[in-house]
Amino acid sequence: MDYQEILDFAYGLAEKLVTETDQAVEEMIKTAVADRYPSHKLPPLTDEYTWIVDPIDAGAVIVHEVGGLFSGGKDTLDSPMAEILMGRRYIFIRALPSTQRRLVRTLYDVVDEWTNEDM
């Protein structure tokens, strides 16, 4: 198997945004949210709190640039992110000012010292 074949295979896998595991974990999270917050909704968006669930890799969240919790049709909380390789966990709360020095609007704006804009 040559390098190009491996690369083509990997790109093919990456195009599949929703996997069976995504669906199973999403169902588990939806049940937990419904049990804990019965007045909150899951899509479609409403004027009440609405949760956007993409539990495994946030592929759909990144592609569509949506947050994790909506209220009144506006995203108020970005999806929690865990960067295992860099040992960081963070969450953006849009209604509160950040105490961080570097602010980004989406994950596309994040450039760390080990990345470059061409990646």
C-alpha atoms as a PDB file:
ATOM      1  CA  MET A   1       0.000   0.000   0.000  1.00  0.00           C
ATOM      2  CA  ASP A   2       1.523   3.322  -0.988  1.00  0.00           C
ATOM      3  CA  TYR A   3       1.355   6.626   0.882  1.00  0.00           C
ATOM      4  CA  GLN A   4      -1.252   8.162  -1.458  1.00  0.00           C
ATOM      5  CA  GLU A   5      -3.545   5.163  -0.994  1.00  0.00           C
ATOM      6  CA  ILE A   6      -3.297   5.493   2.795  1.00  0.00           C
ATOM      7  CA  LEU A   7      -3.949   9.229   2.564  1.00  0.00           C
ATOM      8  CA  ASP A   8      -6.993   8.716   0.314  1.00  0.00           C
ATOM      9  CA  PHE A   9      -8.337   6.103   2.741  1.00  0.00           C
ATOM     10  CA  ALA A  10      -7.859   8.450   5.726  1.00  0.00           C
ATOM     11  CA  TYR A  11      -9.593  11.335   3.938  1.00  0.00           C
ATOM     12  CA  GLY A  12     -12.495   9.019   3.090  1.00  0.00           C
ATOM     13  CA  LEU A  13     -12.903   8.137   6.759  1.00  0.00           C
ATOM     14  CA  ALA A  14     -12.725  11.795   7.785  1.00  0.00           C
ATOM     15  CA  GLU A  15     -15.605  12.691   5.459  1.00  0.00           C
ATOM     16  CA  LYS A  16     -17.915  10.474   7.514  1.00  0.00           C
ATOM     17  CA  LEU A  17     -18.916  12.924  10.250  1.00  0.00           C
ATOM     18  CA  VAL A  18     -21.436  10.748  12.089  1.00  0.00           C
ATOM     19  CA  THR A  19     -20.450   7.260  13.201  1.00  0.00           C
ATOM     20  CA  GLU A  20     -22.445   4.601  15.059  1.00  0.00           C
ATOM     21  CA  THR A  21     -20.442   5.463  18.168  1.00  0.00           C
ATOM     22  CA  ASP A  22     -21.372   9.157  17.751  1.00  0.00           C
ATOM     23  CA  GLN A  23     -25.046   8.169  17.612  1.00  0.00           C
ATOM     24  CA  ALA A  24     -24.856   5.853  20.653  1.00  0.00           C
ATOM     25  CA  VAL A  25     -23.051   8.407  22.833  1.00  0.00           C
ATOM     26  CA  GLU A  26     -25.349  11.196  21.602  1.00  0.00           C
ATOM     27  CA  GLU A  27     -28.373   9.154  22.705  1.00  0.00           C
ATOM     28  CA  MET A  28     -26.797   8.602  26.139  1.00  0.00           C
ATOM     29  CA  ILE A  29     -26.110  12.351  26.535  1.00  0.00           C
ATOM     30  CA  LYS A  30     -29.610  13.310  25.349  1.00  0.00           C
ATOM     31  CA  THR A  31     -31.117  11.008  27.971  1.00  0.00           C
ATOM     32  CA  ALA A  32     -28.893  12.478  30.707  1.00  0.00           C
ATOM     33  CA  VAL A  33     -29.790  16.076  29.716  1.00  0.00           C
ATOM     34  CA  ALA A  34     -33.514  15.234  29.583  1.00  0.00           C
ATOM     35  CA  ASP A  35     -33.370  13.595  33.021  1.00  0.00           C
ATOM     36  CA  ARG A  36     -31.428  16.458  34.633  1.00  0.00           C
ATOM     37  CA  TYR A  37     -32.995  19.428  32.782  1.00  0.00           C
ATOM     38  CA  PRO A  38     -36.509  18.443  31.619  1.00  0.00           C
ATOM     39  CA  SER A  39     -37.307  21.984  30.396  1.00  0.00           C
ATOM     40  CA  HIS A  40     -34.199  22.113  28.163  1.00  0.00           C
ATOM     41  CA  LYS A  41     -34.561  21.001  24.552  1.00  0.00           C
ATOM     42  CA  LEU A  42     -32.407  19.283  21.973  1.00  0.00           C
ATOM     43  CA  PRO A  43     -32.561  20.397  18.293  1.00  0.00           C
ATOM     44  CA  PRO A  44     -34.469  21.993  16.697  1.00  0.00           C
ATOM     45  CA  LEU A  45     -33.614  25.336  18.348  1.00  0.00           C
ATOM     46  CA  THR A  46     -36.264  26.948  20.534  1.00  0.00           C
ATOM     47  CA  ASP A  47     -36.454  30.020  22.753  1.00  0.00           C
ATOM     48  CA  GLU A  48     -35.716  27.736  25.697  1.00  0.00           C
ATOM     49  CA  TYR A  49     -32.301  26.206  26.359  1.00  0.00           C
ATOM     50  CA  THR A  50     -31.266  23.887  23.517  1.00  0.00           C
ATOM     51  CA  TRP A  51     -28.296  21.501  23.674  1.00  0.00           C
ATOM     52  CA  ILE A  52     -26.159  20.647  20.619  1.00  0.00           C
ATOM     53  CA  VAL A  53     -24.552  17.232  21.110  1.00  0.00           C
ATOM     54  CA  ASP A  54     -21.520  15.946  19.157  1.00  0.00           C
ATOM     55  CA  PRO A  55     -19.796  13.811  21.773  1.00  0.00           C
ATOM     56  CA  ILE A  56     -16.904  12.033  20.148  1.00  0.00           C
ATOM     57  CA  ASP A  57     -14.799  14.438  18.122  1.00  0.00           C
ATOM     58  CA  ALA A  58     -16.979  17.542  17.662  1.00  0.00           C
ATOM     59  CA  GLY A  59     -16.662  17.126  13.887  1.00  0.00           C
ATOM     60  CA  ALA A  60     -20.103  18.544  13.116  1.00  0.00           C
ATOM     61  CA  VAL A  61     -19.643  21.314  15.692  1.00  0.00           C
ATOM     62  CA  ILE A  62     -16.362  22.376  14.073  1.00  0.00           C
ATOM     63  CA  VAL A  63     -17.657  22.103  10.493  1.00  0.00           C
ATOM     64  CA  HIS A  64     -20.830  24.096  11.208  1.00  0.00           C
ATOM     65  CA  GLU A  65     -19.234  26.393  13.830  1.00  0.00           C
ATOM     66  CA  VAL A  66     -22.042  26.004  16.374  1.00  0.00           C
ATOM     67  CA  GLY A  67     -21.851  26.109  20.142  1.00  0.00           C
ATOM     68  CA  GLY A  68     -22.931  23.507  22.670  1.00  0.00           C
ATOM     69  CA  LEU A  69     -25.856  25.267  24.397  1.00  0.00           C
ATOM     70  CA  PHE A  70     -28.273  27.758  22.867  1.00  0.00           C
ATOM     71  CA  SER A  71     -30.762  30.070  24.571  1.00  0.00           C
ATOM     72  CA  GLY A  72     -33.196  32.283  22.703  1.00  0.00           C
ATOM     73  CA  GLY A  73     -31.707  31.097  19.408  1.00  0.00           C
ATOM     74  CA  LYS A  74     -28.210  32.341  20.359  1.00  0.00           C
ATOM     75  CA  ASP A  75     -25.228  30.215  21.288  1.00  0.00           C
ATOM     76  CA  THR A  76     -24.266  30.904  24.882  1.00  0.00           C
ATOM     77  CA  LEU A  77     -21.793  28.140  25.566  1.00  0.00           C
ATOM     78  CA  ASP A  78     -19.316  26.602  23.152  1.00  0.00           C
ATOM     79  CA  SER A  79     -18.856  22.872  23.237  1.00  0.00           C
ATOM     80  CA  PRO A  80     -16.530  21.609  25.945  1.00  0.00           C
ATOM     81  CA  MET A  81     -13.233  20.576  24.383  1.00  0.00           C
ATOM     82  CA  ALA A  82     -10.610  18.175  25.671  1.00  0.00           C
ATOM     83  CA  GLU A  83      -7.262  18.351  23.942  1.00  0.00           C
ATOM     84  CA  ILE A  84      -5.794  15.130  25.228  1.00  0.00           C
ATOM     85  CA  LEU A  85      -2.474  15.469  23.407  1.00  0.00           C
ATOM     86  CA  MET A  86      -1.831  18.889  24.927  1.00  0.00           C
ATOM     87  CA  GLY A  87      -3.372  18.098  28.322  1.00  0.00           C
ATOM     88  CA  ARG A  88      -5.889  20.954  28.169  1.00  0.00           C
ATOM     89  CA  ARG A  89      -9.612  21.146  28.802  1.00  0.00           C
ATOM     90  CA  TYR A  90     -11.601  24.286  28.249  1.00  0.00           C
ATOM     91  CA  ILE A  91     -15.053  25.673  27.629  1.00  0.00           C
ATOM     92  CA  PHE A  92     -16.153  29.049  26.283  1.00  0.00           C
ATOM     93  CA  ILE A  93     -19.029  30.871  27.970  1.00  0.00           C
ATOM     94  CA  ARG A  94     -20.105  33.569  25.558  1.00  0.00           C
ATOM     95  CA  ALA A  95     -22.059  35.602  28.120  1.00  0.00           C
ATOM     96  CA  LEU A  96     -19.048  36.106  30.403  1.00  0.00           C
ATOM     97  CA  PRO A  97     -15.847  38.059  29.751  1.00  0.00           C
ATOM     98  CA  SER A  98     -12.808  35.828  29.443  1.00  0.00           C
ATOM     99  CA  THR A  99      -9.869  36.016  31.791  1.00  0.00           C
ATOM    100  CA  GLN A 100      -7.639  34.474  29.135  1.00  0.00           C
ATOM    101  CA  ARG A 101      -5.078  36.535  27.254  1.00  0.00           C
ATOM    102  CA  ARG A 102      -5.819  35.022  23.857  1.00  0.00           C
ATOM    103  CA  LEU A 103      -9.413  34.926  22.620  1.00  0.00           C
ATOM    104  CA  VAL A 104     -10.655  33.016  19.586  1.00  0.00           C
ATOM    105  CA  ARG A 105     -14.067  32.911  17.934  1.00  0.00           C
ATOM    106  CA  THR A 106     -13.825  29.336  16.623  1.00  0.00           C
ATOM    107  CA  LEU A 107     -11.378  26.459  16.733  1.00  0.00           C
ATOM    108  CA  TYR A 108     -10.217  27.465  13.253  1.00  0.00           C
ATOM    109  CA  ASP A 109      -8.649  30.553  14.863  1.00  0.00           C
ATOM    110  CA  VAL A 110      -6.505  28.491  17.216  1.00  0.00           C
ATOM    111  CA  VAL A 111      -2.860  28.272  16.178  1.00  0.00           C
ATOM    112  CA  ASP A 112      -0.486  26.756  18.708  1.00  0.00           C
ATOM    113  CA  GLU A 113       3.269  26.786  18.564  1.00  0.00           C
ATOM    114  CA  TRP A 114       3.331  23.261  17.105  1.00  0.00           C
ATOM    115  CA  THR A 115       0.810  24.054  14.345  1.00  0.00           C
ATOM    116  CA  ASN A 116       0.826  26.325  11.348  1.00  0.00           C
ATOM    117  CA  GLU A 117      -1.921  27.931   9.279  1.00  0.00           C
ATOM    118  CA  ASP A 118      -1.396  25.477   6.396  1.00  0.00           C
ATOM    119  CA  MET A 119      -2.422  22.448   8.482  1.00  0.00           C
END
